[in-house]
Protein backbone atom coordinates (compact mmCIF):
# COMPACT_ATOMS: atom_id res chain seq x y z
CA MET A 1 98.73 70.62 118.64
CA ASP A 2 100.34 73.73 120.11
CA VAL A 3 98.27 76.55 121.58
CA GLU A 4 98.96 78.97 118.71
CA GLN A 5 97.34 76.84 116.02
CA PRO A 6 93.71 77.25 117.18
CA SER A 7 94.13 81.04 117.15
CA ARG A 8 95.56 80.87 113.65
CA VAL A 9 92.67 78.85 112.25
CA GLY A 10 90.27 81.02 114.24
CA ALA A 11 91.73 84.16 112.70
CA LEU A 12 91.39 82.66 109.23
CA LEU A 13 87.76 81.73 109.88
CA ARG A 14 87.02 85.25 111.11
CA GLU A 15 88.74 86.71 108.06
CA TRP A 16 86.65 84.62 105.66
CA ARG A 17 83.44 85.38 107.54
CA GLN A 18 84.12 89.11 107.43
CA ARG A 19 85.07 88.90 103.76
CA ARG A 20 81.65 87.37 103.08
CA ARG A 21 80.02 90.06 105.27
CA LEU A 22 78.31 87.56 107.52
CA SER A 23 77.66 87.88 111.24
CA GLN A 24 78.57 85.00 113.53
CA LEU A 25 74.86 84.19 113.79
CA ASP A 26 74.47 84.21 109.98
CA LEU A 27 77.36 81.80 109.51
CA ALA A 28 76.31 79.60 112.42
CA ASN A 29 72.88 79.16 110.84
CA LEU A 30 74.39 78.32 107.47
CA ALA A 31 76.78 75.76 108.97
CA ASP A 32 74.27 74.24 111.42
CA THR A 33 76.14 75.22 114.56
CA SER A 34 75.72 77.82 117.29
CA ALA A 35 76.99 81.40 117.26
CA ARG A 36 78.58 80.72 120.66
CA HIS A 37 80.53 77.73 119.36
CA LEU A 38 81.61 79.72 116.31
CA SER A 39 82.78 82.55 118.58
CA TYR A 40 84.82 80.06 120.61
CA MET A 41 86.41 78.70 117.43
CA GLU A 42 87.29 82.16 116.17
CA ASN A 43 88.89 83.31 119.43
CA GLY A 44 90.78 80.06 119.98
CA ARG A 45 88.80 78.75 122.97
CA ALA A 46 87.58 75.76 120.94
CA ARG A 47 89.32 73.69 118.31
CA PRO A 48 87.09 73.07 115.27
CA SER A 49 86.79 69.48 114.11
CA ARG A 50 87.78 68.56 110.59
CA ALA A 51 84.11 68.06 109.65
CA MET A 52 83.19 71.44 111.13
CA LEU A 53 85.94 73.20 109.18
CA LEU A 54 84.70 71.64 105.96
CA ARG A 55 81.12 72.68 106.77
CA LEU A 56 82.18 76.23 107.53
CA SER A 57 84.33 76.36 104.37
CA ALA A 58 81.39 75.23 102.25
CA ALA A 59 79.07 77.77 103.88
CA LEU A 60 81.62 80.52 103.25
CA ASP A 61 82.28 79.36 99.67
CA VAL A 62 86.00 79.20 100.41
CA PRO A 63 88.09 78.11 97.37
CA LEU A 64 89.46 74.57 97.62
CA ARG A 65 93.06 75.81 97.89
CA GLU A 66 92.15 77.90 100.94
CA ARG A 67 90.07 75.07 102.45
CA ASN A 68 93.28 73.08 102.56
CA THR A 69 94.98 76.07 104.21
CA LEU A 70 92.30 76.14 106.91
CA LEU A 71 92.69 72.41 107.54
CA LEU A 72 96.48 72.69 107.78
CA ALA A 73 96.13 75.61 110.20
CA ALA A 74 94.14 73.32 112.48
CA ASP A 75 96.69 70.49 112.11
CA TYR A 76 94.54 68.37 109.78
CA ALA A 77 95.59 66.84 106.48
CA PRO A 78 94.42 68.62 103.31
CA ALA A 79 91.11 67.37 101.93
CA TYR A 80 91.71 68.23 98.29
CA ARG A 81 94.38 66.95 95.96
CA GLU A 82 96.37 69.43 93.84
CA SER A 83 97.45 67.83 90.56
CA SER A 84 99.42 68.97 87.58
CA LEU A 85 97.32 69.30 84.45
CA ASP A 86 99.90 67.01 82.81
CA ASP A 87 99.26 64.14 85.27
CA ASP A 88 97.69 60.93 83.99
CA TYR A 89 95.03 61.53 86.64
CA MET A 90 93.92 64.62 84.66
CA ALA A 91 93.77 62.94 81.23
CA SER A 92 89.97 63.22 80.99
CA ILE A 93 90.17 66.91 81.84
CA ARG A 94 92.80 67.58 79.17
CA SER A 95 90.61 65.75 76.66
CA ALA A 96 87.59 67.83 77.64
CA LEU A 97 89.55 71.07 77.32
CA GLU A 98 90.85 70.10 73.89
CA THR A 99 87.34 69.20 72.76
CA MET A 100 85.92 72.55 73.90
CA LEU A 101 88.73 74.59 72.36
CA THR A 102 88.57 72.78 69.03
CA ALA A 103 84.77 72.79 68.86
CA HIS A 104 84.74 76.56 69.38
CA GLU A 105 86.70 77.28 66.20
CA PRO A 106 86.61 79.58 64.27
CA TYR A 107 85.99 81.70 67.37
CA PRO A 108 88.72 82.32 69.98
CA ALA A 109 88.82 80.32 73.21
CA VAL A 110 91.38 80.13 75.99
CA VAL A 111 91.99 78.18 79.21
CA VAL A 112 93.20 80.16 82.24
CA ASP A 113 94.19 79.41 85.82
CA ARG A 114 93.17 81.23 88.99
CA ILE A 115 95.45 84.20 88.34
CA TRP A 116 94.47 84.42 84.67
CA ASN A 117 97.63 82.87 83.25
CA VAL A 118 96.95 81.43 79.81
CA LEU A 119 97.40 77.65 79.85
CA GLN A 120 96.03 76.77 76.43
CA GLY A 121 94.28 78.42 73.50
CA ASN A 122 92.82 77.45 70.16
CA HIS A 123 94.06 78.57 66.73
CA ALA A 124 91.50 81.38 66.53
CA MET A 125 93.20 83.09 69.51
CA GLY A 126 95.71 84.32 66.92
CA VAL A 127 93.43 87.27 66.16
CA LEU A 128 93.88 88.45 69.78
CA MET A 129 97.54 87.48 70.10
CA ASP A 130 98.68 88.99 66.81
CA GLY A 131 101.55 91.44 67.35
CA ILE A 132 101.92 90.74 71.08
CA PRO A 133 105.63 91.29 71.92
CA PRO A 134 107.72 88.47 73.47
CA HIS A 135 108.06 90.19 76.85
CA LEU A 136 104.29 89.78 77.41
CA LEU A 137 104.40 86.10 76.49
CA LYS A 138 107.14 85.00 78.92
CA PRO A 139 107.35 83.29 81.31
CA GLN A 140 103.60 82.85 80.71
CA PRO A 141 100.96 85.01 79.01
CA ASN A 142 98.44 86.57 81.36
CA VAL A 143 95.01 87.76 80.22
CA PHE A 144 95.13 91.06 82.11
CA ARG A 145 98.66 91.91 80.98
CA LEU A 146 97.83 90.99 77.38
CA ALA A 147 94.68 93.13 77.42
CA LEU A 148 95.83 96.20 79.36
CA HIS A 149 99.56 96.61 78.79
CA PRO A 150 100.26 99.47 76.33
CA ASP A 151 102.41 97.09 74.25
CA GLY A 152 99.65 94.49 74.12
CA LEU A 153 96.07 94.38 72.95
CA ALA A 154 95.36 97.78 74.54
CA ALA A 155 96.95 99.56 71.59
CA ARG A 156 94.40 97.93 69.26
CA LEU A 157 91.25 98.30 71.35
CA ALA A 158 88.78 100.84 69.99
CA ASN A 159 87.11 101.05 73.42
CA LEU A 160 90.11 100.68 75.72
CA GLU A 161 88.80 103.01 78.42
CA GLU A 162 85.63 100.94 78.83
CA VAL A 163 87.46 97.62 78.67
CA ARG A 164 90.09 98.77 81.16
CA LYS A 165 87.44 99.87 83.64
CA LEU A 166 85.54 96.60 83.27
CA PHE A 167 88.66 94.43 83.62
CA LEU A 168 89.92 96.28 86.70
CA GLU A 169 86.50 96.08 88.36
CA ARG A 170 86.38 92.34 87.65
CA LEU A 171 89.85 91.77 89.05
CA SER A 172 89.16 93.93 92.10
CA ARG A 173 86.03 91.90 92.91
CA GLN A 174 88.02 88.68 92.59
CA VAL A 175 90.74 90.02 94.91
CA ASN A 176 88.15 91.02 97.50
CA ALA A 177 86.32 87.71 97.23
CA THR A 178 89.40 85.50 97.53
CA GLY A 179 92.05 87.53 99.33
CA ASP A 180 94.54 85.96 96.92
CA THR A 181 97.96 87.64 97.27
CA GLU A 182 99.00 86.91 93.68
CA LEU A 183 95.79 88.42 92.34
CA ARG A 184 96.32 91.47 94.54
CA LEU A 185 99.82 91.94 93.11
CA LEU A 186 98.45 91.48 89.58
CA TYR A 187 95.82 94.17 90.21
CA LYS A 188 98.46 96.56 91.56
CA GLU A 189 100.57 95.98 88.45
CA VAL A 190 97.94 96.25 85.71
CA SER A 191 96.09 99.17 87.32
CA SER A 192 99.32 101.17 87.09
CA TYR A 193 99.69 100.73 83.32
CA PRO A 194 99.49 104.04 81.45
CA MET A 195 96.89 104.54 78.75
CA PRO A 196 98.33 104.50 75.19
CA SER A 197 98.82 108.04 73.89
CA SER A 198 96.37 107.44 71.03
CA GLU A 199 93.43 106.69 73.33
CA GLU A 200 92.34 110.31 73.80
CA THR A 201 92.22 110.94 70.06
CA ASP A 202 90.39 107.70 69.38
CA ARG A 203 87.83 108.35 72.07
CA ASN A 204 87.02 111.83 70.83
CA GLY A 205 87.14 111.08 67.12
CA ALA A 206 85.56 107.63 66.81
CA PRO A 207 81.91 107.37 65.73
CA ARG A 208 79.38 105.98 68.18
CA HIS A 209 78.76 102.25 67.94
CA GLN A 210 75.32 100.79 67.52
CA PRO A 211 73.49 99.75 70.72
CA SER A 212 74.50 96.29 71.90
CA PRO A 213 73.10 93.73 74.37
CA ILE A 214 76.64 93.49 75.74
CA GLN A 215 77.65 96.52 77.81
CA VAL A 216 81.38 96.36 77.04
CA PRO A 217 82.35 94.13 74.11
CA LEU A 218 85.93 93.87 72.91
CA ARG A 219 86.27 96.14 69.88
CA ILE A 220 89.57 95.29 68.21
CA ARG A 221 91.14 97.17 65.32
CA THR A 222 92.61 94.83 62.72
CA PRO A 223 93.98 95.26 59.18
CA PHE A 224 90.66 93.93 57.84
CA GLY A 225 88.36 96.06 59.98
CA GLU A 226 87.11 96.40 63.54
CA LEU A 227 86.07 93.12 65.16
CA ALA A 228 83.51 93.14 67.98
CA MET A 229 83.35 90.20 70.39
CA PHE A 230 81.95 89.25 73.77
CA SER A 231 82.85 86.31 75.99
CA THR A 232 81.41 83.78 78.40
CA MET A 233 83.21 81.83 81.11
CA ALA A 234 82.90 78.06 81.71
CA THR A 235 84.12 76.11 84.73
CA PHE A 236 83.99 72.47 85.82
CA GLY A 237 81.14 71.44 88.12
CA ALA A 238 81.82 69.86 91.52
CA PRO A 239 85.65 69.78 91.30
CA ALA A 240 87.50 67.61 93.82
CA ASP A 241 90.97 68.80 92.80
CA VAL A 242 92.45 72.23 93.52
CA THR A 243 93.88 72.61 90.03
CA LEU A 244 90.58 71.69 88.40
CA SER A 245 88.64 74.07 90.65
CA GLU A 246 90.84 76.94 89.47
CA LEU A 247 90.53 76.31 85.71
CA ALA A 248 88.24 78.43 83.57
CA ILE A 249 87.56 78.49 79.84
CA GLU A 250 86.83 81.85 78.25
CA LEU A 251 84.85 81.51 75.02
CA PHE A 252 84.65 84.48 72.65
CA TYR A 253 81.73 85.04 70.28
CA PRO A 254 81.16 87.53 67.43
CA LEU A 255 78.86 90.44 68.22
CA ASP A 256 77.96 91.10 64.59
CA ASP A 257 77.90 89.47 61.16
CA PHE A 258 81.02 91.30 60.01
CA THR A 259 83.05 89.81 62.88
CA ALA A 260 81.60 86.33 62.38
CA ASN A 261 82.42 86.40 58.66
CA ALA A 262 85.92 87.77 59.30
CA LEU A 263 86.72 85.07 61.86
CA ARG A 264 85.48 82.36 59.50
CA ALA A 265 87.57 83.82 56.69
CA LEU A 266 90.64 83.95 58.92
CA SER A 267 90.19 80.30 59.84
CA ARG A 268 90.31 79.47 56.14
CA GLY A 269 93.48 81.50 55.72
CA GLY A 270 92.01 84.67 54.28
CA ALA A 271 90.36 87.89 55.41
């Protein structure tokens, strides 16, 4: 191993520790080591063992993809496999995803990857995808582009200003937590989108909505009335594969009886 590699892995460890806002003593206690040894690893005076890197990664809650990066930086083999969702190895996962998406009908549900690209959706997602132009669907739909681009769902959101603020805050937190370059570029792109020209009129002229247990639901204008929905996120527990660790399922639910009835009617082919 050449002399530059320890400093590289040390710099990565320091970066993750600082991102988590931990002192060397804090992290040393979490990883059952000494602050002195951790300091030596960070400044390149000591080479961390493979087991130590995995302990530190777990203590820092480093994503599996970046745990592999840390291991490679120290000249160790990656610990976590990265599979294609289409691999035979992932057949049980595909089956689980299909079961969740189908069972959630007539309410929308979608599977996304780590940068919020849409991998799969159920039939009820049509209510959110209706009227989305082709340029937002290729090469792959992305949740933040679909929601915030003026040509996308943004033009139909009755509370775009609130949704935009919430989405950008969520994405910013994810960027800060992961340091992911692709997420950072996505944030830079979607935060620069202009607000649709109708937003000012809608915000000033629309009646107040009833109080809700959800701070910022999606309020979507449709030909058959305004639909109000909220969502939850589901992930797989204890993933051992990078791809699996980065999958999430967003499940949408109706906020009121009108929306629930409308979604059920749409699933039967009517409104």
